[in-house]
Amino acid sequence: MNEMKHDYSDIIDMPRHVSTKHLHMSQHDRAAQFAPFAALTGYDDMIDEAGEQNAVAEDSVIFTAEELDIP
């Protein structure tokens, strides 16, 4: 079996192509372009909501050592 081993040594030192027809896209614009295809749409909202619920729960539940039967 003929296995090809390609370590990119033939292209690794070549200069990066820069288009003369299109302006460079900022990282913000590039990220916005792919945002509609995010696999976890709504995940951030769900995490924020869970954090808010936990913050309320932590504030409202405070036990003393006696209540927990801790010597």
PDB file of N, CA and C in Angstrom:
ATOM      1  N   MET A   1       0.842  -1.176   0.000  1.00  0.00           N
ATOM      2  CA  MET A   1       0.000   0.000   0.000  1.00  0.00           C
ATOM      3  C   MET A   1       0.891   1.245   0.000  1.00  0.00           C
ATOM      4  N   ASN A   2       0.568   2.187  -0.819  1.00  0.00           N
ATOM      5  CA  ASN A   2       1.355   3.394  -0.958  1.00  0.00           C
ATOM      6  C   ASN A   2       0.751   4.501  -0.098  1.00  0.00           C
ATOM      7  N   GLU A   3       1.416   4.820   0.991  1.00  0.00           N
ATOM      8  CA  GLU A   3       0.937   5.884   1.868  1.00  0.00           C
ATOM      9  C   GLU A   3       1.641   7.183   1.514  1.00  0.00           C
ATOM     10  N   MET A   4       0.853   8.245   1.402  1.00  0.00           N
ATOM     11  CA  MET A   4       1.433   9.552   1.117  1.00  0.00           C
ATOM     12  C   MET A   4       1.667  10.277   2.427  1.00  0.00           C
ATOM     13  N   LYS A   5       2.871  10.728   2.617  1.00  0.00           N
ATOM     14  CA  LYS A   5       3.191  11.526   3.788  1.00  0.00           C
ATOM     15  C   LYS A   5       3.446  12.935   3.296  1.00  0.00           C
ATOM     16  N   HIS A   6       2.606  13.856   3.791  1.00  0.00           N
ATOM     17  CA  HIS A   6       2.703  15.231   3.319  1.00  0.00           C
ATOM     18  C   HIS A   6       2.900  16.133   4.528  1.00  0.00           C
ATOM     19  N   ASP A   7       4.076  16.701   4.666  1.00  0.00           N
ATOM     20  CA  ASP A   7       4.359  17.566   5.811  1.00  0.00           C
ATOM     21  C   ASP A   7       4.270  19.044   5.437  1.00  0.00           C
ATOM     22  N   TYR A   8       3.765  19.342   4.245  1.00  0.00           N
ATOM     23  CA  TYR A   8       3.566  20.712   3.770  1.00  0.00           C
ATOM     24  C   TYR A   8       4.862  21.505   3.646  1.00  0.00           C
ATOM     25  N   SER A   9       5.991  20.825   3.601  1.00  0.00           N
ATOM     26  CA  SER A   9       7.263  21.534   3.486  1.00  0.00           C
ATOM     27  C   SER A   9       7.386  22.290   2.165  1.00  0.00           C
ATOM     28  N   ASP A  10       6.635  21.880   1.163  1.00  0.00           N
ATOM     29  CA  ASP A  10       6.712  22.560  -0.127  1.00  0.00           C
ATOM     30  C   ASP A  10       5.935  23.886  -0.139  1.00  0.00           C
ATOM     31  N   ILE A  11       5.017  24.078   0.804  1.00  0.00           N
ATOM     32  CA  ILE A  11       4.215  25.307   0.805  1.00  0.00           C
ATOM     33  C   ILE A  11       4.287  26.097   2.110  1.00  0.00           C
ATOM     34  N   ILE A  12       4.950  25.563   3.113  1.00  0.00           N
ATOM     35  CA  ILE A  12       4.921  26.172   4.445  1.00  0.00           C
ATOM     36  C   ILE A  12       5.501  27.585   4.476  1.00  0.00           C
ATOM     37  N   ASP A  13       6.462  27.877   3.655  1.00  0.00           N
ATOM     38  CA  ASP A  13       7.105  29.191   3.668  1.00  0.00           C
ATOM     39  C   ASP A  13       6.601  30.130   2.574  1.00  0.00           C
ATOM     40  N   MET A  14       5.525  29.744   1.900  1.00  0.00           N
ATOM     41  CA  MET A  14       4.977  30.603   0.853  1.00  0.00           C
ATOM     42  C   MET A  14       4.210  31.761   1.487  1.00  0.00           C
ATOM     43  N   PRO A  15       4.199  32.913   0.844  1.00  0.00           N
ATOM     44  CA  PRO A  15       3.450  34.049   1.394  1.00  0.00           C
ATOM     45  C   PRO A  15       1.944  33.789   1.309  1.00  0.00           C
ATOM     46  N   ARG A  16       1.223  34.353   2.260  1.00  0.00           N
ATOM     47  CA  ARG A  16      -0.221  34.197   2.317  1.00  0.00           C
ATOM     48  C   ARG A  16      -0.873  35.042   1.226  1.00  0.00           C
ATOM     49  N   HIS A  17      -1.882  34.478   0.586  1.00  0.00           N
ATOM     50  CA  HIS A  17      -2.578  35.205  -0.474  1.00  0.00           C
ATOM     51  C   HIS A  17      -3.403  36.348   0.115  1.00  0.00           C
ATOM     52  N   VAL A  18      -3.310  37.520  -0.473  1.00  0.00           N
ATOM     53  CA  VAL A  18      -4.122  38.669  -0.075  1.00  0.00           C
ATOM     54  C   VAL A  18      -4.855  39.137  -1.328  1.00  0.00           C
ATOM     55  N   SER A  19      -6.180  39.145  -1.246  1.00  0.00           N
ATOM     56  CA  SER A  19      -6.996  39.488  -2.399  1.00  0.00           C
ATOM     57  C   SER A  19      -6.827  40.955  -2.776  1.00  0.00           C
ATOM     58  N   THR A  20      -6.796  41.197  -4.065  1.00  0.00           N
ATOM     59  CA  THR A  20      -6.759  42.573  -4.563  1.00  0.00           C
ATOM     60  C   THR A  20      -8.163  43.044  -4.916  1.00  0.00           C
ATOM     61  N   LYS A  21      -9.155  42.142  -4.891  1.00  0.00           N
ATOM     62  CA  LYS A  21     -10.529  42.478  -5.262  1.00  0.00           C
ATOM     63  C   LYS A  21     -11.428  42.720  -4.051  1.00  0.00           C
ATOM     64  N   HIS A  22     -11.128  42.087  -2.935  1.00  0.00           N
ATOM     65  CA  HIS A  22     -11.999  42.170  -1.762  1.00  0.00           C
ATOM     66  C   HIS A  22     -11.243  42.739  -0.570  1.00  0.00           C
ATOM     67  N   LEU A  23     -11.924  43.598   0.196  1.00  0.00           N
ATOM     68  CA  LEU A  23     -11.323  44.135   1.411  1.00  0.00           C
ATOM     69  C   LEU A  23     -11.228  43.049   2.482  1.00  0.00           C
ATOM     70  N   HIS A  24     -10.301  43.216   3.393  1.00  0.00           N
ATOM     71  CA  HIS A  24     -10.125  42.284   4.494  1.00  0.00           C
ATOM     72  C   HIS A  24     -11.339  42.353   5.423  1.00  0.00           C
ATOM     73  N   MET A  25     -11.897  41.203   5.796  1.00  0.00           N
ATOM     74  CA  MET A  25     -13.054  41.164   6.686  1.00  0.00           C
ATOM     75  C   MET A  25     -12.580  41.110   8.133  1.00  0.00           C
ATOM     76  N   SER A  26     -13.163  41.945   8.982  1.00  0.00           N
ATOM     77  CA  SER A  26     -12.777  41.952  10.394  1.00  0.00           C
ATOM     78  C   SER A  26     -13.229  40.647  11.060  1.00  0.00           C
ATOM     79  N   GLN A  27     -12.610  40.306  12.174  1.00  0.00           N
ATOM     80  CA  GLN A  27     -12.989  39.086  12.895  1.00  0.00           C
ATOM     81  C   GLN A  27     -14.427  39.183  13.390  1.00  0.00           C
ATOM     82  N   HIS A  28     -14.856  40.380  13.782  1.00  0.00           N
ATOM     83  CA  HIS A  28     -16.229  40.574  14.252  1.00  0.00           C
ATOM     84  C   HIS A  28     -17.227  40.267  13.129  1.00  0.00           C
ATOM     85  N   ASP A  29     -16.970  40.815  11.944  1.00  0.00           N
ATOM     86  CA  ASP A  29     -17.857  40.569  10.811  1.00  0.00           C
ATOM     87  C   ASP A  29     -17.817  39.105  10.376  1.00  0.00           C
ATOM     88  N   ARG A  30     -16.653  38.501  10.451  1.00  0.00           N
ATOM     89  CA  ARG A  30     -16.510  37.098  10.074  1.00  0.00           C
ATOM     90  C   ARG A  30     -17.299  36.208  11.025  1.00  0.00           C
ATOM     91  N   ALA A  31     -17.234  36.506  12.313  1.00  0.00           N
ATOM     92  CA  ALA A  31     -17.983  35.733  13.310  1.00  0.00           C
ATOM     93  C   ALA A  31     -19.479  35.920  13.112  1.00  0.00           C
ATOM     94  N   ALA A  32     -19.906  37.153  12.810  1.00  0.00           N
ATOM     95  CA  ALA A  32     -21.329  37.424  12.601  1.00  0.00           C
ATOM     96  C   ALA A  32     -21.854  36.679  11.381  1.00  0.00           C
ATOM     97  N   GLN A  33     -21.009  36.459  10.409  1.00  0.00           N
ATOM     98  CA  GLN A  33     -21.411  35.756   9.197  1.00  0.00           C
ATOM     99  C   GLN A  33     -21.823  34.320   9.507  1.00  0.00           C
ATOM    100  N   PHE A  34     -21.172  33.695  10.469  1.00  0.00           N
ATOM    101  CA  PHE A  34     -21.451  32.299  10.786  1.00  0.00           C
ATOM    102  C   PHE A  34     -22.341  32.127  12.008  1.00  0.00           C
ATOM    103  N   ALA A  35     -22.706  33.196  12.680  1.00  0.00           N
ATOM    104  CA  ALA A  35     -23.534  33.120  13.889  1.00  0.00           C
ATOM    105  C   ALA A  35     -24.860  32.394  13.666  1.00  0.00           C
ATOM    106  N   PRO A  36     -25.559  32.595  12.544  1.00  0.00           N
ATOM    107  CA  PRO A  36     -26.836  31.903  12.377  1.00  0.00           C
ATOM    108  C   PRO A  36     -26.699  30.381  12.342  1.00  0.00           C
ATOM    109  N   PHE A  37     -25.510  29.876  12.132  1.00  0.00           N
ATOM    110  CA  PHE A  37     -25.302  28.446  12.031  1.00  0.00           C
ATOM    111  C   PHE A  37     -24.743  27.845  13.320  1.00  0.00           C
ATOM    112  N   ALA A  38     -24.773  28.607  14.409  1.00  0.00           N
ATOM    113  CA  ALA A  38     -24.246  28.112  15.686  1.00  0.00           C
ATOM    114  C   ALA A  38     -25.031  26.872  16.114  1.00  0.00           C
ATOM    115  N   ALA A  39     -24.325  25.837  16.493  1.00  0.00           N
ATOM    116  CA  ALA A  39     -24.967  24.581  16.875  1.00  0.00           C
ATOM    117  C   ALA A  39     -25.715  24.695  18.190  1.00  0.00           C
ATOM    118  N   LEU A  40     -25.286  25.581  19.057  1.00  0.00           N
ATOM    119  CA  LEU A  40     -25.886  25.689  20.382  1.00  0.00           C
ATOM    120  C   LEU A  40     -26.656  26.993  20.538  1.00  0.00           C
ATOM    121  N   THR A  41     -27.531  27.280  19.599  1.00  0.00           N
ATOM    122  CA  THR A  41     -28.337  28.491  19.671  1.00  0.00           C
ATOM    123  C   THR A  41     -29.165  28.477  20.944  1.00  0.00           C
ATOM    124  N   GLY A  42     -29.082  29.544  21.725  1.00  0.00           N
ATOM    125  CA  GLY A  42     -29.841  29.632  22.970  1.00  0.00           C
ATOM    126  C   GLY A  42     -29.101  29.088  24.177  1.00  0.00           C
ATOM    127  N   TYR A  43     -27.942  28.496  23.972  1.00  0.00           N
ATOM    128  CA  TYR A  43     -27.189  27.898  25.076  1.00  0.00           C
ATOM    129  C   TYR A  43     -26.753  28.948  26.085  1.00  0.00           C
ATOM    130  N   ASP A  44     -26.279  30.095  25.611  1.00  0.00           N
ATOM    131  CA  ASP A  44     -25.839  31.158  26.521  1.00  0.00           C
ATOM    132  C   ASP A  44     -26.988  31.658  27.390  1.00  0.00           C
ATOM    133  N   ASP A  45     -28.167  31.807  26.791  1.00  0.00           N
ATOM    134  CA  ASP A  45     -29.337  32.239  27.565  1.00  0.00           C
ATOM    135  C   ASP A  45     -29.689  31.216  28.641  1.00  0.00           C
ATOM    136  N   MET A  46     -29.599  29.936  28.291  1.00  0.00           N
ATOM    137  CA  MET A  46     -29.910  28.867  29.236  1.00  0.00           C
ATOM    138  C   MET A  46     -28.914  28.875  30.409  1.00  0.00           C
ATOM    139  N   ILE A  47     -27.649  29.085  30.125  1.00  0.00           N
ATOM    140  CA  ILE A  47     -26.619  29.139  31.170  1.00  0.00           C
ATOM    141  C   ILE A  47     -26.850  30.349  32.078  1.00  0.00           C
ATOM    142  N   ASP A  48     -27.166  31.499  31.480  1.00  0.00           N
ATOM    143  CA  ASP A  48     -27.437  32.696  32.283  1.00  0.00           C
ATOM    144  C   ASP A  48     -28.635  32.487  33.206  1.00  0.00           C
ATOM    145  N   GLU A  49     -29.687  31.872  32.678  1.00  0.00           N
ATOM    146  CA  GLU A  49     -30.886  31.628  33.481  1.00  0.00           C
ATOM    147  C   GLU A  49     -30.590  30.670  34.635  1.00  0.00           C
ATOM    148  N   ALA A  50     -29.828  29.620  34.357  1.00  0.00           N
ATOM    149  CA  ALA A  50     -29.458  28.668  35.408  1.00  0.00           C
ATOM    150  C   ALA A  50     -28.609  29.356  36.471  1.00  0.00           C
ATOM    151  N   GLY A  51     -27.717  30.236  36.060  1.00  0.00           N
ATOM    152  CA  GLY A  51     -26.887  30.970  37.011  1.00  0.00           C
ATOM    153  C   GLY A  51     -27.721  31.869  37.898  1.00  0.00           C
ATOM    154  N   GLU A  52     -28.727  32.520  37.306  1.00  0.00           N
ATOM    155  CA  GLU A  52     -29.614  33.378  38.098  1.00  0.00           C
ATOM    156  C   GLU A  52     -30.405  32.557  39.112  1.00  0.00           C
ATOM    157  N   GLN A  53     -30.884  31.405  38.703  1.00  0.00           N
ATOM    158  CA  GLN A  53     -31.646  30.541  39.607  1.00  0.00           C
ATOM    159  C   GLN A  53     -30.771  30.056  40.752  1.00  0.00           C
ATOM    160  N   ASN A  54     -29.534  29.704  40.448  1.00  0.00           N
ATOM    161  CA  ASN A  54     -28.619  29.242  41.490  1.00  0.00           C
ATOM    162  C   ASN A  54     -28.254  30.370  42.443  1.00  0.00           C
ATOM    163  N   ALA A  55     -28.105  31.581  41.925  1.00  0.00           N
ATOM    164  CA  ALA A  55     -27.773  32.722  42.778  1.00  0.00           C
ATOM    165  C   ALA A  55     -28.905  32.988  43.766  1.00  0.00           C
ATOM    166  N   VAL A  56     -30.141  32.899  43.305  1.00  0.00           N
ATOM    167  CA  VAL A  56     -31.295  33.086  44.188  1.00  0.00           C
ATOM    168  C   VAL A  56     -31.342  31.975  45.222  1.00  0.00           C
ATOM    169  N   ALA A  57     -31.101  30.744  44.805  1.00  0.00           N
ATOM    170  CA  ALA A  57     -31.135  29.611  45.718  1.00  0.00           C
ATOM    171  C   ALA A  57     -30.045  29.736  46.782  1.00  0.00           C
ATOM    172  N   GLU A  58     -28.859  30.172  46.398  1.00  0.00           N
ATOM    173  CA  GLU A  58     -27.764  30.318  47.357  1.00  0.00           C
ATOM    174  C   GLU A  58     -28.067  31.411  48.376  1.00  0.00           C
ATOM    175  N   ASP A  59     -28.703  32.490  47.942  1.00  0.00           N
ATOM    176  CA  ASP A  59     -29.022  33.590  48.839  1.00  0.00           C
ATOM    177  C   ASP A  59     -30.136  33.235  49.821  1.00  0.00           C
ATOM    178  N   SER A  60     -31.065  32.392  49.405  1.00  0.00           N
ATOM    179  CA  SER A  60     -32.232  32.121  50.237  1.00  0.00           C
ATOM    180  C   SER A  60     -32.055  30.922  51.159  1.00  0.00           C
ATOM    181  N   VAL A  61     -31.039  30.098  50.944  1.00  0.00           N
ATOM    182  CA  VAL A  61     -30.846  28.910  51.767  1.00  0.00           C
ATOM    183  C   VAL A  61     -29.531  29.040  52.533  1.00  0.00           C
ATOM    184  N   ILE A  62     -29.656  29.375  53.825  1.00  0.00           N
ATOM    185  CA  ILE A  62     -28.484  29.485  54.684  1.00  0.00           C
ATOM    186  C   ILE A  62     -28.770  28.681  55.942  1.00  0.00           C
ATOM    187  N   PHE A  63     -27.931  27.700  56.204  1.00  0.00           N
ATOM    188  CA  PHE A  63     -28.103  26.841  57.365  1.00  0.00           C
ATOM    189  C   PHE A  63     -26.992  27.103  58.373  1.00  0.00           C
ATOM    190  N   THR A  64     -27.324  26.928  59.633  1.00  0.00           N
ATOM    191  CA  THR A  64     -26.301  27.000  60.678  1.00  0.00           C
ATOM    192  C   THR A  64     -25.784  25.597  60.935  1.00  0.00           C
ATOM    193  N   ALA A  65     -24.677  25.479  61.629  1.00  0.00           N
ATOM    194  CA  ALA A  65     -24.104  24.170  61.941  1.00  0.00           C
ATOM    195  C   ALA A  65     -25.080  23.334  62.766  1.00  0.00           C
ATOM    196  N   GLU A  66     -25.833  23.966  63.667  1.00  0.00           N
ATOM    197  CA  GLU A  66     -26.791  23.230  64.492  1.00  0.00           C
ATOM    198  C   GLU A  66     -27.921  22.648  63.630  1.00  0.00           C
ATOM    199  N   GLU A  67     -28.381  23.410  62.646  1.00  0.00           N
ATOM    200  CA  GLU A  67     -29.455  22.940  61.777  1.00  0.00           C
ATOM    201  C   GLU A  67     -29.008  21.757  60.933  1.00  0.00           C
ATOM    202  N   LEU A  68     -27.719  21.692  60.641  1.00  0.00           N
ATOM    203  CA  LEU A  68     -27.192  20.587  59.842  1.00  0.00           C
ATOM    204  C   LEU A  68     -26.661  19.450  60.696  1.00  0.00           C
ATOM    205  N   ASP A  69     -26.824  19.570  62.022  1.00  0.00           N
ATOM    206  CA  ASP A  69     -26.338  18.564  62.977  1.00  0.00           C
ATOM    207  C   ASP A  69     -24.837  18.330  62.828  1.00  0.00           C
ATOM    208  N   ILE A  70     -24.105  19.392  62.640  1.00  0.00           N
ATOM    209  CA  ILE A  70     -22.642  19.305  62.566  1.00  0.00           C
ATOM    210  C   ILE A  70     -22.085  19.639  63.943  1.00  0.00           C
ATOM    211  N   PRO A  71     -21.301  18.725  64.488  1.00  0.00           N
ATOM    212  CA  PRO A  71     -20.732  18.977  65.834  1.00  0.00           C
ATOM    213  C   PRO A  71     -19.730  20.103  65.845  1.00  0.00           C
TER     214      PRO A  71
END
